[in-house]
Structure formats: structure tokens, C-alpha cells
Amino acid sequence: MNNIYRSRCWQILCILCLCLLSSCRPRTLYHHYEAVNPVGWSVTDTLCYELPPALSGRLHTLSLGVRFNQEFRYQDLYLVVEQRQPTPSRDTVHVHLANDRGRWQTRGVVLHDRETVVTATRLDTTRQNIFLIYHIMSPQEVTGITEVGLKVE
């Protein structure tokens, strides 16, 4: 009887620990992908993300997700994340898509997916929070990037 009681206590303790660990993970509040022109992503093409007002007033972590295929010929992708309001800011993001040997550092086989943390920012409560994303690669147009996503936690 005593061993059964101990076993039950350990099971309950393990379940409680798992619940506590899972609750520590940041909660995704916004996650949206914008499609890139399938012909090629030009330096003049800008992706626009308008965050809902409910996210305002708190400090959030922003992450970028990049989906791409075999047509993308580079190991790295350089993007700019620009926030127009409330206070204009601009971050350059270096996304490592492949390692030094050229192997993709992603999930997926046909369509690769890579996520990179950008920054922590406080969203404004009085205005729209709009983010613009564009690439600053040396060729005027890159192919193989299919979608770019913005995630807020």
C-alpha cells in the first residue's frame, strides 16, 4: 500500500512539473506570413504587417520566419525590419539559412523554414503598430524566398 501511494505521488508530481514547464514558454500572440512574388523578390518589394491593437502597451519579442526553396542560392539572407510607428526604428537582420558547408539549417525538405529572433520591442497603445520588411541583398532580385512571417510573443 505504501509503495502504491509513493508511486501515485511521483506521478502527480511529474505531471505538475510538466504543466509548470509548459506554462513558462512564451505565448504566441500574432503569427502571420506574407507571400513573396513567386517570380522574384525585388529590393523595391516591401512586405507590410499591421499588428492588432490588443498587443499594445507591453514588451514583446519579435521573430522572423523565412520559408524558401532550392532556388535560393545563398547561405544568408539580409532583411530590414522597419517600424514606422510609434517611434520609427530600423533593424537589419542577418538570417543564417545554411552553415559553412552549405547545408540548410532548417526544418522541412521541399520547403525550408527558418526562424530568427529579431528584437524585443514595446508596442504603442495609441497608434497602429505597422512593421515593414524588405531585403537588402546585393542582387536587385532574389528567387527562392516564398514567404516571410512575423511572430510576436
Protein backbone atom coordinates (compact mmCIF):
# COMPACT_ATOMS: atom_id res chain seq x y z
CA MET A 1 0.00 0.00 0.00
CA ASN A 2 2.80 2.39 0.88
CA ASN A 3 4.59 1.78 -2.45
CA ILE A 4 1.40 2.44 -4.41
CA TYR A 5 0.93 5.73 -2.55
CA ARG A 6 4.53 6.81 -3.32
CA SER A 7 4.12 5.85 -6.96
CA ARG A 8 0.95 7.95 -7.25
CA CYS A 9 2.65 10.90 -5.56
CA TRP A 10 5.55 10.74 -8.02
CA GLN A 11 3.16 10.58 -10.96
CA ILE A 12 1.23 13.60 -9.72
CA LEU A 13 4.47 15.48 -9.03
CA CYS A 14 5.76 14.73 -12.54
CA ILE A 15 2.52 15.92 -14.13
CA LEU A 16 2.64 19.15 -12.11
CA CYS A 17 6.25 19.76 -13.15
CA LEU A 18 5.39 19.23 -16.82
CA CYS A 19 2.48 21.66 -16.52
CA LEU A 20 4.72 24.28 -14.93
CA LEU A 21 7.42 23.87 -17.57
CA SER A 22 4.94 24.16 -20.42
CA SER A 23 3.43 27.32 -18.96
CA CYS A 24 6.84 29.08 -18.93
CA ARG A 25 7.01 29.06 -22.74
CA PRO A 26 6.14 32.42 -24.33
CA ARG A 27 2.69 32.53 -25.81
CA THR A 28 2.41 33.42 -29.49
CA LEU A 29 0.11 36.43 -29.79
CA TYR A 30 0.50 37.15 -33.51
CA HIS A 31 1.96 35.00 -36.28
CA HIS A 32 1.40 35.91 -39.91
CA TYR A 33 3.21 35.10 -43.15
CA GLU A 34 3.16 37.31 -46.24
CA ALA A 35 3.78 35.74 -49.65
CA VAL A 36 6.68 36.95 -51.75
CA ASN A 37 6.33 37.41 -55.51
CA PRO A 38 6.98 33.92 -56.97
CA VAL A 39 8.90 35.40 -59.91
CA GLY A 40 11.41 37.04 -57.56
CA TRP A 41 11.66 39.33 -54.58
CA SER A 42 12.81 42.74 -55.74
CA VAL A 43 14.52 45.25 -53.44
CA THR A 44 11.56 47.56 -54.07
CA ASP A 45 9.02 44.97 -52.81
CA THR A 46 8.07 45.60 -49.18
CA LEU A 47 6.03 43.28 -47.00
CA CYS A 48 3.65 45.01 -44.57
CA TYR A 49 2.42 43.67 -41.22
CA GLU A 50 -0.22 45.56 -39.22
CA LEU A 51 -0.41 44.24 -35.67
CA PRO A 52 -3.72 44.23 -33.82
CA PRO A 53 -4.18 46.95 -31.17
CA ALA A 54 -4.71 44.32 -28.46
CA LEU A 55 -0.94 43.68 -28.41
CA SER A 56 -0.15 47.26 -27.46
CA GLY A 57 1.46 48.53 -24.30
CA ARG A 58 3.65 45.54 -23.38
CA LEU A 59 7.16 44.38 -24.17
CA HIS A 60 7.14 41.68 -26.87
CA THR A 61 9.71 39.52 -28.63
CA LEU A 62 9.63 39.69 -32.43
CA SER A 63 10.78 36.80 -34.60
CA LEU A 64 11.06 36.42 -38.35
CA GLY A 65 10.23 33.23 -40.18
CA VAL A 66 11.56 32.67 -43.68
CA ARG A 67 10.23 29.97 -45.98
CA PHE A 68 12.31 29.24 -49.04
CA ASN A 69 13.06 26.54 -51.58
CA GLN A 70 16.07 25.21 -53.52
CA GLU A 71 16.04 28.19 -55.90
CA PHE A 72 17.54 30.40 -53.20
CA ARG A 73 21.26 30.30 -54.00
CA TYR A 74 22.78 31.96 -50.92
CA GLN A 75 23.70 30.83 -47.41
CA ASP A 76 22.44 34.02 -45.79
CA LEU A 77 19.61 36.47 -46.17
CA TYR A 78 19.79 40.10 -45.06
CA LEU A 79 16.50 41.76 -44.18
CA VAL A 80 15.42 45.08 -42.74
CA VAL A 81 12.59 45.23 -40.21
CA GLU A 82 11.26 48.75 -40.04
CA GLN A 83 8.72 50.04 -37.56
CA ARG A 84 7.08 53.24 -38.75
CA GLN A 85 5.01 53.96 -35.65
CA PRO A 86 5.03 54.83 -32.78
CA THR A 87 8.75 55.65 -32.92
CA PRO A 88 10.48 54.99 -36.23
CA SER A 89 13.11 52.29 -35.88
CA ARG A 90 15.01 50.04 -38.24
CA ASP A 91 16.84 46.76 -37.55
CA THR A 92 18.99 44.84 -40.00
CA VAL A 93 18.54 41.11 -39.57
CA HIS A 94 21.07 38.54 -40.74
CA VAL A 95 19.28 35.21 -41.24
CA HIS A 96 21.66 32.24 -41.45
CA LEU A 97 19.96 29.80 -43.80
CA ALA A 98 22.89 27.43 -44.34
CA ASN A 99 26.03 26.51 -42.44
CA ASP A 100 29.62 26.96 -43.70
CA ARG A 101 29.34 23.75 -45.73
CA GLY A 102 26.18 24.92 -47.46
CA ARG A 103 23.79 22.58 -45.63
CA TRP A 104 20.39 24.07 -44.85
CA GLN A 105 19.84 24.78 -41.15
CA THR A 106 16.10 24.36 -41.36
CA ARG A 107 13.12 22.12 -40.91
CA GLY A 108 11.49 20.66 -43.98
CA VAL A 109 12.61 19.01 -47.17
CA VAL A 110 10.95 20.70 -50.13
CA LEU A 111 10.09 24.00 -48.49
CA HIS A 112 12.59 25.09 -45.85
CA ASP A 113 11.60 27.11 -42.80
CA ARG A 114 13.97 29.16 -40.65
CA GLU A 115 13.04 31.34 -37.67
CA THR A 116 15.24 34.10 -36.24
CA VAL A 117 14.62 36.28 -33.18
CA VAL A 118 14.81 39.94 -34.16
CA THR A 119 14.35 42.12 -31.11
CA ALA A 120 12.25 42.95 -28.10
CA THR A 121 10.03 45.98 -28.53
CA ARG A 122 7.23 47.78 -26.73
CA LEU A 123 4.19 48.31 -28.91
CA ASP A 124 2.35 51.62 -28.69
CA THR A 125 -1.18 51.86 -27.32
CA THR A 126 -2.26 54.99 -29.17
CA ARG A 127 -1.33 54.24 -32.79
CA GLN A 128 -1.21 51.41 -35.26
CA ASN A 129 1.85 49.20 -34.98
CA ILE A 130 3.00 48.66 -38.55
CA PHE A 131 6.14 46.74 -39.49
CA LEU A 132 7.71 46.69 -42.94
CA ILE A 133 10.14 44.01 -44.10
CA TYR A 134 12.34 44.11 -47.18
CA HIS A 135 15.61 42.53 -48.28
CA ILE A 136 18.92 44.29 -48.81
CA MET A 137 20.73 41.63 -50.81
CA SER A 138 23.20 42.74 -53.47
CA PRO A 139 21.25 41.33 -56.41
CA GLN A 140 18.26 43.53 -57.11
CA GLU A 141 16.03 40.46 -57.16
CA VAL A 142 16.32 37.17 -55.29
CA THR A 143 14.45 33.99 -56.12
CA GLY A 144 13.52 31.11 -53.88
CA ILE A 145 12.07 33.07 -50.94
CA THR A 146 8.39 32.13 -50.83
CA GLU A 147 7.11 33.70 -47.60
CA VAL A 148 8.28 35.86 -44.72
CA GLY A 149 6.48 35.78 -41.42
CA LEU A 150 6.39 37.95 -38.33
CA LYS A 151 5.75 36.38 -34.93
CA VAL A 152 5.05 38.30 -31.73
CA GLU A 153 5.36 36.62 -28.35
